[in-house]
Amino acid sequence: MSNFHIANQQAAIEAVQEVESLSDEQLREAILQSLKKAGYPSNDLPSEMDTSRQGLLDFIAGMAAIAHSYPAENEVRD
């Protein structure tokens, strides 16, 4: 049995489409609130995080792709 998962690219695309109209500050705040709900202790985004607009959208896309991933054994192979 595999512990590998396939990232859901469609979920990533849809997540970005839902938030791309937000301002950079709104994106930062949404991500910070999401991190805080998961136990992140700071009131600032991690200093290592790419906080450019593209970096914030990439973060959202990545989290959505992971959240909606599925086990690799369900992957259809040629």
N, C-alpha and C. Protein backbone atom coordinates (compact mmCIF):
# COMPACT_ATOMS: atom_id res chain seq x y z
N MET A 1 0.84 -1.19 0.00
CA MET A 1 0.00 0.00 0.00
C MET A 1 0.88 1.24 0.00
N SER A 2 0.56 2.19 -0.85
CA SER A 2 1.34 3.39 -1.03
C SER A 2 0.86 4.52 -0.13
N ASN A 3 1.80 5.31 0.38
CA ASN A 3 1.46 6.50 1.14
C ASN A 3 1.54 7.74 0.26
N PHE A 4 1.74 7.56 -1.02
CA PHE A 4 1.87 8.68 -1.94
C PHE A 4 0.49 9.17 -2.35
N HIS A 5 0.41 10.49 -2.56
CA HIS A 5 -0.83 11.10 -3.03
C HIS A 5 -0.55 11.92 -4.29
N ILE A 6 -1.54 12.04 -5.11
CA ILE A 6 -1.47 12.84 -6.33
C ILE A 6 -2.11 14.19 -6.03
N ALA A 7 -1.37 15.26 -6.25
CA ALA A 7 -1.92 16.60 -6.04
C ALA A 7 -3.02 16.87 -7.05
N ASN A 8 -4.04 17.55 -6.61
CA ASN A 8 -5.20 17.83 -7.46
C ASN A 8 -5.00 19.20 -8.11
N GLN A 9 -4.52 19.21 -9.35
CA GLN A 9 -4.25 20.46 -10.05
C GLN A 9 -5.51 21.27 -10.31
N GLN A 10 -6.62 20.61 -10.56
CA GLN A 10 -7.87 21.33 -10.81
C GLN A 10 -8.29 22.10 -9.57
N ALA A 11 -8.13 21.50 -8.40
CA ALA A 11 -8.47 22.20 -7.15
C ALA A 11 -7.59 23.44 -6.99
N ALA A 12 -6.33 23.34 -7.37
CA ALA A 12 -5.41 24.48 -7.29
C ALA A 12 -5.87 25.61 -8.19
N ILE A 13 -6.23 25.27 -9.41
CA ILE A 13 -6.70 26.27 -10.38
C ILE A 13 -7.96 26.96 -9.87
N GLU A 14 -8.90 26.17 -9.37
CA GLU A 14 -10.16 26.72 -8.89
C GLU A 14 -9.96 27.61 -7.66
N ALA A 15 -9.06 27.21 -6.77
CA ALA A 15 -8.80 28.01 -5.57
C ALA A 15 -8.24 29.38 -5.95
N VAL A 16 -7.30 29.40 -6.89
CA VAL A 16 -6.72 30.67 -7.32
C VAL A 16 -7.76 31.53 -8.01
N GLN A 17 -8.59 30.94 -8.82
CA GLN A 17 -9.65 31.70 -9.49
C GLN A 17 -10.59 32.37 -8.49
N GLU A 18 -10.81 31.71 -7.37
CA GLU A 18 -11.70 32.26 -6.35
C GLU A 18 -11.10 33.45 -5.62
N VAL A 19 -9.79 33.52 -5.50
CA VAL A 19 -9.16 34.57 -4.70
C VAL A 19 -8.35 35.58 -5.49
N GLU A 20 -8.19 35.39 -6.79
CA GLU A 20 -7.30 36.28 -7.54
C GLU A 20 -7.81 37.71 -7.61
N SER A 21 -9.07 37.95 -7.32
CA SER A 21 -9.59 39.32 -7.33
C SER A 21 -9.32 40.05 -6.01
N LEU A 22 -8.85 39.34 -4.99
CA LEU A 22 -8.52 39.97 -3.71
C LEU A 22 -7.27 40.83 -3.85
N SER A 23 -7.17 41.85 -3.03
CA SER A 23 -5.96 42.67 -3.01
C SER A 23 -4.83 41.86 -2.36
N ASP A 24 -3.60 42.34 -2.52
CA ASP A 24 -2.46 41.65 -1.91
C ASP A 24 -2.63 41.58 -0.40
N GLU A 25 -3.10 42.66 0.21
CA GLU A 25 -3.30 42.68 1.66
C GLU A 25 -4.37 41.69 2.08
N GLN A 26 -5.44 41.59 1.32
CA GLN A 26 -6.49 40.62 1.63
C GLN A 26 -5.97 39.19 1.50
N LEU A 27 -5.12 38.94 0.50
CA LEU A 27 -4.52 37.61 0.35
C LEU A 27 -3.64 37.29 1.55
N ARG A 28 -2.81 38.25 1.93
CA ARG A 28 -1.94 38.05 3.10
C ARG A 28 -2.77 37.72 4.34
N GLU A 29 -3.82 38.50 4.56
CA GLU A 29 -4.66 38.31 5.74
C GLU A 29 -5.37 36.95 5.70
N ALA A 30 -5.88 36.56 4.55
CA ALA A 30 -6.55 35.26 4.43
C ALA A 30 -5.59 34.12 4.73
N ILE A 31 -4.38 34.22 4.21
CA ILE A 31 -3.39 33.17 4.46
C ILE A 31 -2.99 33.15 5.93
N LEU A 32 -2.76 34.33 6.50
CA LEU A 32 -2.39 34.40 7.92
C LEU A 32 -3.48 33.79 8.79
N GLN A 33 -4.73 34.12 8.52
CA GLN A 33 -5.82 33.57 9.32
C GLN A 33 -5.92 32.05 9.17
N SER A 34 -5.66 31.56 7.97
CA SER A 34 -5.66 30.12 7.74
C SER A 34 -4.54 29.44 8.53
N LEU A 35 -3.36 30.04 8.51
CA LEU A 35 -2.24 29.49 9.26
C LEU A 35 -2.53 29.51 10.76
N LYS A 36 -3.11 30.60 11.24
CA LYS A 36 -3.41 30.71 12.66
C LYS A 36 -4.42 29.65 13.10
N LYS A 37 -5.39 29.34 12.24
CA LYS A 37 -6.37 28.29 12.56
C LYS A 37 -5.67 26.94 12.70
N ALA A 38 -4.55 26.79 12.02
CA ALA A 38 -3.79 25.53 12.08
C ALA A 38 -2.75 25.55 13.21
N GLY A 39 -2.76 26.60 14.04
CA GLY A 39 -1.86 26.65 15.18
C GLY A 39 -0.63 27.53 15.02
N TYR A 40 -0.52 28.23 13.90
CA TYR A 40 0.62 29.12 13.68
C TYR A 40 0.56 30.24 14.72
N PRO A 41 1.65 30.48 15.47
CA PRO A 41 1.59 31.39 16.61
C PRO A 41 1.81 32.88 16.32
N SER A 42 2.30 33.24 15.17
CA SER A 42 2.69 34.64 14.92
C SER A 42 1.56 35.45 14.30
N ASN A 43 1.69 36.76 14.40
CA ASN A 43 0.75 37.67 13.76
C ASN A 43 1.26 38.16 12.42
N ASP A 44 2.38 37.61 11.98
CA ASP A 44 2.97 37.93 10.69
C ASP A 44 3.18 36.66 9.91
N LEU A 45 3.18 36.76 8.59
CA LEU A 45 3.50 35.59 7.76
C LEU A 45 4.94 35.19 8.01
N PRO A 46 5.27 33.92 7.83
CA PRO A 46 6.64 33.47 8.04
C PRO A 46 7.63 34.27 7.18
N SER A 47 8.76 34.61 7.74
CA SER A 47 9.75 35.42 7.02
C SER A 47 10.30 34.68 5.81
N GLU A 48 10.24 33.36 5.82
CA GLU A 48 10.74 32.56 4.70
C GLU A 48 9.75 32.49 3.54
N MET A 49 8.53 32.94 3.76
CA MET A 49 7.47 32.82 2.76
C MET A 49 7.62 33.90 1.69
N ASP A 50 7.38 33.50 0.46
CA ASP A 50 7.36 34.46 -0.65
C ASP A 50 6.04 35.22 -0.55
N THR A 51 6.10 36.48 -0.16
CA THR A 51 4.88 37.26 0.03
C THR A 51 4.57 38.17 -1.16
N SER A 52 5.23 37.91 -2.29
CA SER A 52 4.82 38.61 -3.50
C SER A 52 3.43 38.11 -3.87
N ARG A 53 2.72 38.83 -4.71
CA ARG A 53 1.38 38.40 -5.12
C ARG A 53 1.42 36.98 -5.70
N GLN A 54 2.39 36.73 -6.58
CA GLN A 54 2.50 35.40 -7.18
C GLN A 54 2.82 34.34 -6.13
N GLY A 55 3.66 34.69 -5.18
CA GLY A 55 3.99 33.75 -4.10
C GLY A 55 2.78 33.40 -3.26
N LEU A 56 1.94 34.40 -2.96
CA LEU A 56 0.73 34.16 -2.17
C LEU A 56 -0.26 33.28 -2.94
N LEU A 57 -0.42 33.57 -4.22
CA LEU A 57 -1.32 32.75 -5.04
C LEU A 57 -0.78 31.32 -5.19
N ASP A 58 0.54 31.19 -5.33
CA ASP A 58 1.15 29.86 -5.41
C ASP A 58 0.91 29.08 -4.12
N PHE A 59 1.02 29.76 -2.99
CA PHE A 59 0.79 29.11 -1.69
C PHE A 59 -0.64 28.58 -1.62
N ILE A 60 -1.60 29.42 -2.01
CA ILE A 60 -3.01 29.01 -1.99
C ILE A 60 -3.23 27.84 -2.94
N ALA A 61 -2.66 27.91 -4.12
CA ALA A 61 -2.80 26.82 -5.09
C ALA A 61 -2.22 25.52 -4.52
N GLY A 62 -1.05 25.61 -3.94
CA GLY A 62 -0.41 24.43 -3.38
C GLY A 62 -1.20 23.80 -2.25
N MET A 63 -1.72 24.64 -1.39
CA MET A 63 -2.51 24.12 -0.27
C MET A 63 -3.80 23.46 -0.76
N ALA A 64 -4.43 24.06 -1.75
CA ALA A 64 -5.66 23.46 -2.30
C ALA A 64 -5.35 22.13 -3.00
N ALA A 65 -4.25 22.10 -3.74
CA ALA A 65 -3.87 20.86 -4.44
C ALA A 65 -3.59 19.73 -3.46
N ILE A 66 -2.97 20.07 -2.35
CA ILE A 66 -2.68 19.06 -1.33
C ILE A 66 -3.96 18.65 -0.60
N ALA A 67 -4.77 19.63 -0.24
CA ALA A 67 -6.00 19.34 0.51
C ALA A 67 -6.95 18.45 -0.28
N HIS A 68 -6.91 18.56 -1.59
CA HIS A 68 -7.81 17.77 -2.43
C HIS A 68 -7.08 16.66 -3.18
N SER A 69 -5.95 16.24 -2.63
CA SER A 69 -5.19 15.17 -3.27
C SER A 69 -5.89 13.83 -3.07
N TYR A 70 -5.41 12.83 -3.79
CA TYR A 70 -6.01 11.51 -3.68
C TYR A 70 -4.89 10.46 -3.70
N PRO A 71 -5.14 9.30 -3.11
CA PRO A 71 -4.10 8.27 -3.04
C PRO A 71 -3.59 7.86 -4.43
N ALA A 72 -2.31 7.67 -4.53
CA ALA A 72 -1.68 7.33 -5.81
C ALA A 72 -2.19 6.01 -6.36
N GLU A 73 -2.64 5.10 -5.52
CA GLU A 73 -3.10 3.82 -6.05
C GLU A 73 -4.38 3.98 -6.87
N ASN A 74 -5.03 5.13 -6.78
CA ASN A 74 -6.22 5.39 -7.58
C ASN A 74 -5.86 5.96 -8.95
N GLU A 75 -4.60 6.22 -9.18
CA GLU A 75 -4.13 6.82 -10.43
C GLU A 75 -4.23 5.80 -11.56
N VAL A 76 -4.79 6.21 -12.65
CA VAL A 76 -4.90 5.36 -13.84
C VAL A 76 -3.57 5.41 -14.58
N ARG A 77 -3.03 4.27 -14.92
CA ARG A 77 -1.76 4.20 -15.62
C ARG A 77 -1.98 3.67 -17.04
N ASP A 78 -1.16 4.17 -17.96
CA ASP A 78 -1.24 3.71 -19.35
C ASP A 78 -0.68 2.32 -19.51
